[in-house]
Structures are given as structure tokens and as C-alpha cells.
């Protein structure tokens, strides 16, 4: 859970660094948060991204 939370926070920080304000900023914040959360969950072992969807 630690990496997941860190990934989400880093995603939000990147979103605010890229663009501030407006609906576009909200979309960037959501996208970066989701990507950061998925990567953090992978590092925590909660999600397996190594298979690449093949199975």
C-alpha cells in the first residue's frame, strides 16, 4: 500500500507541475493519479503488469 499511495501522490504532483487549472488540469490530475496508482500497486505486488495482458 505504501508504493500505491506514493504513486498516486507523485502522479498528482506531476499533473500540477505540467498544467495548473481548468478542466484540462483536472483530467491530467486524474490520468496521472491513475497511472501512478497502478505503478505503485505493481510495486506493492497487488497488480501483475509483467504478463502484458497475455494469458
PDB file of N, CA and C in Angstrom:
ATOM      1  N   UNK A   1       0.821  -1.199   0.000  1.00  0.00           N
ATOM      2  CA  UNK A   1       0.000   0.000   0.000  1.00  0.00           C
ATOM      3  C   UNK A   1       0.864   1.261   0.000  1.00  0.00           C
ATOM      4  N   UNK A   2       2.055   1.143   0.526  1.00  0.00           N
ATOM      5  CA  UNK A   2       2.923   2.309   0.603  1.00  0.00           C
ATOM      6  C   UNK A   2       3.277   2.830  -0.787  1.00  0.00           C
ATOM      7  N   UNK A   3       3.664   1.935  -1.692  1.00  0.00           N
ATOM      8  CA  UNK A   3       4.031   2.360  -3.043  1.00  0.00           C
ATOM      9  C   UNK A   3       2.819   2.882  -3.811  1.00  0.00           C
ATOM     10  N   UNK A   4       1.657   2.289  -3.569  1.00  0.00           N
ATOM     11  CA  UNK A   4       0.441   2.748  -4.247  1.00  0.00           C
ATOM     12  C   UNK A   4       0.142   4.194  -3.871  1.00  0.00           C
ATOM     13  N   UNK A   5       0.188   4.476  -2.594  1.00  0.00           N
ATOM     14  CA  UNK A   5      -0.097   5.838  -2.117  1.00  0.00           C
ATOM     15  C   UNK A   5       0.959   6.809  -2.646  1.00  0.00           C
ATOM     16  N   UNK A   6       2.212   6.402  -2.624  1.00  0.00           N
ATOM     17  CA  UNK A   6       3.282   7.256  -3.136  1.00  0.00           C
ATOM     18  C   UNK A   6       3.103   7.507  -4.625  1.00  0.00           C
ATOM     19  N   UNK A   7       2.717   6.473  -5.375  1.00  0.00           N
ATOM     20  CA  UNK A   7       2.495   6.634  -6.808  1.00  0.00           C
ATOM     21  C   UNK A   7       1.379   7.605  -7.117  1.00  0.00           C
ATOM     22  N   UNK A   8       0.308   7.523  -6.348  1.00  0.00           N
ATOM     23  CA  UNK A   8      -0.816   8.443  -6.552  1.00  0.00           C
ATOM     24  C   UNK A   8      -0.385   9.872  -6.251  1.00  0.00           C
ATOM     25  N   UNK A   9       0.336  10.069  -5.159  1.00  0.00           N
ATOM     26  CA  UNK A   9       0.791  11.414  -4.802  1.00  0.00           C
ATOM     27  C   UNK A   9       1.778  11.972  -5.828  1.00  0.00           C
ATOM     28  N   UNK A  10       2.666  11.127  -6.319  1.00  0.00           N
ATOM     29  CA  UNK A  10       3.591  11.585  -7.359  1.00  0.00           C
ATOM     30  C   UNK A  10       2.856  11.911  -8.655  1.00  0.00           C
ATOM     31  N   UNK A  11       1.844  11.126  -8.975  1.00  0.00           N
ATOM     32  CA  UNK A  11       1.039  11.419 -10.154  1.00  0.00           C
ATOM     33  C   UNK A  11       0.350  12.764 -10.053  1.00  0.00           C
ATOM     34  N   UNK A  12      -0.190  13.049  -8.888  1.00  0.00           N
ATOM     35  CA  UNK A  12      -0.828  14.346  -8.675  1.00  0.00           C
ATOM     36  C   UNK A  12       0.190  15.483  -8.757  1.00  0.00           C
ATOM     37  N   UNK A  13       1.350  15.271  -8.178  1.00  0.00           N
ATOM     38  CA  UNK A  13       2.385  16.306  -8.227  1.00  0.00           C
ATOM     39  C   UNK A  13       2.811  16.579  -9.666  1.00  0.00           C
ATOM     40  N   UNK A  14       2.968  15.526 -10.465  1.00  0.00           N
ATOM     41  CA  UNK A  14       3.331  15.716 -11.875  1.00  0.00           C
ATOM     42  C   UNK A  14       2.233  16.443 -12.631  1.00  0.00           C
ATOM     43  N   UNK A  15       1.001  16.117 -12.340  1.00  0.00           N
ATOM     44  CA  UNK A  15      -0.105  16.779 -13.025  1.00  0.00           C
ATOM     45  C   UNK A  15      -0.098  18.274 -12.739  1.00  0.00           C
ATOM     46  N   UNK A  16       0.131  18.641 -11.486  1.00  0.00           N
ATOM     47  CA  UNK A  16       0.152  20.056 -11.147  1.00  0.00           C
ATOM     48  C   UNK A  16       1.394  20.746 -11.692  1.00  0.00           C
ATOM     49  N   UNK A  17       2.470  20.000 -11.861  1.00  0.00           N
ATOM     50  CA  UNK A  17       3.674  20.581 -12.442  1.00  0.00           C
ATOM     51  C   UNK A  17       3.500  20.814 -13.934  1.00  0.00           C
ATOM     52  N   UNK A  18       2.751  19.946 -14.608  1.00  0.00           N
ATOM     53  CA  UNK A  18       2.565  20.069 -16.051  1.00  0.00           C
ATOM     54  C   UNK A  18       1.596  21.204 -16.381  1.00  0.00           C
ATOM     55  N   UNK A  19       0.458  21.220 -15.708  1.00  0.00           N
ATOM     56  CA  UNK A  19      -0.562  22.223 -16.037  1.00  0.00           C
ATOM     57  C   UNK A  19      -1.374  22.544 -14.798  1.00  0.00           C
ATOM     58  N   UNK A  20      -1.707  23.792 -14.620  1.00  0.00           N
ATOM     59  CA  UNK A  20      -2.482  24.220 -13.462  1.00  0.00           C
ATOM     60  C   UNK A  20      -3.805  24.835 -13.930  1.00  0.00           C
ATOM     61  N   UNK A  21      -4.871  24.383 -13.297  1.00  0.00           N
ATOM     62  CA  UNK A  21      -6.166  24.999 -13.513  1.00  0.00           C
ATOM     63  C   UNK A  21      -6.973  24.443 -14.668  1.00  0.00           C
ATOM     64  N   UNK A  22      -8.256  24.753 -14.615  1.00  0.00           N
ATOM     65  CA  UNK A  22      -9.180  24.387 -15.678  1.00  0.00           C
ATOM     66  C   UNK A  22      -9.527  22.909 -15.714  1.00  0.00           C
ATOM     67  N   UNK A  23     -10.419  22.568 -16.647  1.00  0.00           N
ATOM     68  CA  UNK A  23     -10.859  21.186 -16.806  1.00  0.00           C
ATOM     69  C   UNK A  23      -9.728  20.300 -17.307  1.00  0.00           C
ATOM     70  N   UNK A  24      -8.851  20.872 -18.123  1.00  0.00           N
ATOM     71  CA  UNK A  24      -7.718  20.102 -18.629  1.00  0.00           C
ATOM     72  C   UNK A  24      -6.804  19.686 -17.479  1.00  0.00           C
ATOM     73  N   UNK A  25      -6.582  20.576 -16.538  1.00  0.00           N
ATOM     74  CA  UNK A  25      -5.769  20.249 -15.364  1.00  0.00           C
ATOM     75  C   UNK A  25      -6.384  19.143 -14.544  1.00  0.00           C
ATOM     76  N   UNK A  26      -7.711  19.136 -14.429  1.00  0.00           N
ATOM     77  CA  UNK A  26      -8.406  18.085 -13.699  1.00  0.00           C
ATOM     78  C   UNK A  26      -8.215  16.744 -14.398  1.00  0.00           C
ATOM     79  N   UNK A  27      -8.336  16.727 -15.720  1.00  0.00           N
ATOM     80  CA  UNK A  27      -8.157  15.485 -16.483  1.00  0.00           C
ATOM     81  C   UNK A  27      -6.722  14.976 -16.330  1.00  0.00           C
ATOM     82  N   UNK A  28      -5.741  15.866 -16.452  1.00  0.00           N
ATOM     83  CA  UNK A  28      -4.346  15.463 -16.264  1.00  0.00           C
ATOM     84  C   UNK A  28      -4.134  14.899 -14.858  1.00  0.00           C
ATOM     85  N   UNK A  29      -4.702  15.543 -13.846  1.00  0.00           N
ATOM     86  CA  UNK A  29      -4.549  15.058 -12.475  1.00  0.00           C
ATOM     87  C   UNK A  29      -5.124  13.660 -12.324  1.00  0.00           C
ATOM     88  N   UNK A  30      -6.293  13.408 -12.906  1.00  0.00           N
ATOM     89  CA  UNK A  30      -6.900  12.078 -12.821  1.00  0.00           C
ATOM     90  C   UNK A  30      -6.076  11.031 -13.552  1.00  0.00           C
ATOM     91  N   UNK A  31      -5.605  11.361 -14.752  1.00  0.00           N
ATOM     92  CA  UNK A  31      -4.818  10.408 -15.537  1.00  0.00           C
ATOM     93  C   UNK A  31      -3.508  10.075 -14.828  1.00  0.00           C
ATOM     94  N   UNK A  32      -2.783  11.091 -14.380  1.00  0.00           N
ATOM     95  CA  UNK A  32      -1.514  10.844 -13.701  1.00  0.00           C
ATOM     96  C   UNK A  32      -1.716  10.100 -12.385  1.00  0.00           C
ATOM     97  N   UNK A  33      -2.805  10.379 -11.684  1.00  0.00           N
ATOM     98  CA  UNK A  33      -3.085   9.669 -10.439  1.00  0.00           C
ATOM     99  C   UNK A  33      -3.358   8.194 -10.701  1.00  0.00           C
ATOM    100  N   UNK A  34      -4.119   7.901 -11.728  1.00  0.00           N
ATOM    101  CA  UNK A  34      -4.426   6.503 -12.066  1.00  0.00           C
ATOM    102  C   UNK A  34      -3.162   5.769 -12.477  1.00  0.00           C
ATOM    103  N   UNK A  35      -2.359   6.387 -13.329  1.00  0.00           N
ATOM    104  CA  UNK A  35      -1.116   5.754 -13.772  1.00  0.00           C
ATOM    105  C   UNK A  35      -0.179   5.540 -12.580  1.00  0.00           C
ATOM    106  N   UNK A  36      -0.032   6.542 -11.745  1.00  0.00           N
ATOM    107  CA  UNK A  36       0.821   6.416 -10.562  1.00  0.00           C
ATOM    108  C   UNK A  36       0.317   5.356  -9.606  1.00  0.00           C
ATOM    109  N   UNK A  37      -0.993   5.276  -9.443  1.00  0.00           N
ATOM    110  CA  UNK A  37      -1.574   4.256  -8.573  1.00  0.00           C
ATOM    111  C   UNK A  37      -1.356   2.851  -9.087  1.00  0.00           C
ATOM    112  N   UNK A  38      -1.479   2.675 -10.402  1.00  0.00           N
ATOM    113  CA  UNK A  38      -1.271   1.349 -10.996  1.00  0.00           C
ATOM    114  C   UNK A  38       0.194   0.934 -10.866  1.00  0.00           C
ATOM    115  N   UNK A  39       1.108   1.858 -11.127  1.00  0.00           N
ATOM    116  CA  UNK A  39       2.532   1.536 -10.988  1.00  0.00           C
ATOM    117  C   UNK A  39       2.871   1.234  -9.534  1.00  0.00           C
ATOM    118  N   UNK A  40       2.334   2.016  -8.614  1.00  0.00           N
ATOM    119  CA  UNK A  40       2.565   1.753  -7.194  1.00  0.00           C
ATOM    120  C   UNK A  40       1.987   0.420  -6.760  1.00  0.00           C
ATOM    121  N   UNK A  41       0.807   0.079  -7.254  1.00  0.00           N
ATOM    122  CA  UNK A  41       0.200  -1.213  -6.930  1.00  0.00           C
ATOM    123  C   UNK A  41       1.041  -2.360  -7.491  1.00  0.00           C
ATOM    124  N   UNK A  42       1.633  -2.148  -8.653  1.00  0.00           N
ATOM    125  CA  UNK A  42       2.520  -3.164  -9.224  1.00  0.00           C
ATOM    126  C   UNK A  42       3.741  -3.365  -8.322  1.00  0.00           C
ATOM    127  N   UNK A  43       4.316  -2.260  -7.845  1.00  0.00           N
ATOM    128  CA  UNK A  43       5.477  -2.362  -6.964  1.00  0.00           C
ATOM    129  C   UNK A  43       5.112  -3.005  -5.626  1.00  0.00           C
ATOM    130  N   UNK A  44       3.877  -2.821  -5.178  1.00  0.00           N
ATOM    131  CA  UNK A  44       3.407  -3.456  -3.942  1.00  0.00           C
ATOM    132  C   UNK A  44       3.066  -4.921  -4.143  1.00  0.00           C
ATOM    133  N   UNK A  45       2.996  -5.365  -5.406  1.00  0.00           N
ATOM    134  CA  UNK A  45       2.652  -6.750  -5.690  1.00  0.00           C
ATOM    135  C   UNK A  45       1.158  -7.007  -5.760  1.00  0.00           C
ATOM    136  N   UNK A  46       0.363  -5.968  -5.820  1.00  0.00           N
ATOM    137  CA  UNK A  46      -1.089  -6.111  -5.876  1.00  0.00           C
ATOM    138  C   UNK A  46      -1.580  -6.302  -7.306  1.00  0.00           C
ATOM    139  N   UNK A  47      -0.792  -5.829  -8.295  1.00  0.00           N
ATOM    140  CA  UNK A  47      -1.146  -5.928  -9.708  1.00  0.00           C
ATOM    141  C   UNK A  47       0.068  -6.478 -10.449  1.00  0.00           C
ATOM    142  N   UNK A  48      -0.163  -7.428 -11.371  1.00  0.00           N
ATOM    143  CA  UNK A  48       0.928  -8.002 -12.150  1.00  0.00           C
ATOM    144  C   UNK A  48       0.903  -7.416 -13.557  1.00  0.00           C
ATOM    145  N   UNK A  49       1.814  -6.504 -13.816  1.00  0.00           N
ATOM    146  CA  UNK A  49       1.896  -5.876 -15.134  1.00  0.00           C
ATOM    147  C   UNK A  49       2.910  -6.584 -16.031  1.00  0.00           C
ATOM    148  N   UNK A  50       3.626  -7.540 -15.500  1.00  0.00           N
ATOM    149  CA  UNK A  50       4.679  -8.215 -16.241  1.00  0.00           C
ATOM    150  C   UNK A  50       4.173  -9.100 -17.362  1.00  0.00           C
ATOM    151  N   UNK A  51       2.961  -9.607 -17.253  1.00  0.00           N
ATOM    152  CA  UNK A  51       2.420 -10.500 -18.277  1.00  0.00           C
ATOM    153  C   UNK A  51       1.976  -9.742 -19.513  1.00  0.00           C
ATOM    154  N   UNK A  52       1.702  -8.472 -19.412  1.00  0.00           N
ATOM    155  CA  UNK A  52       1.331  -7.669 -20.571  1.00  0.00           C
ATOM    156  C   UNK A  52      -0.023  -8.016 -21.159  1.00  0.00           C
ATOM    157  N   UNK A  53      -0.923  -8.575 -20.374  1.00  0.00           N
ATOM    158  CA  UNK A  53      -2.256  -8.900 -20.853  1.00  0.00           C
ATOM    159  C   UNK A  53      -2.353 -10.213 -21.591  1.00  0.00           C
ATOM    160  N   UNK A  54      -1.244 -10.896 -21.753  1.00  0.00           N
ATOM    161  CA  UNK A  54      -1.259 -12.195 -22.435  1.00  0.00           C
ATOM    162  C   UNK A  54      -1.459 -13.286 -21.405  1.00  0.00           C
ATOM    163  N   UNK A  55      -2.352 -14.169 -21.673  1.00  0.00           N
ATOM    164  CA  UNK A  55      -2.530 -15.188 -20.653  1.00  0.00           C
ATOM    165  C   UNK A  55      -3.343 -16.291 -21.093  1.00  0.00           C
TER     166      UNK A  55
END
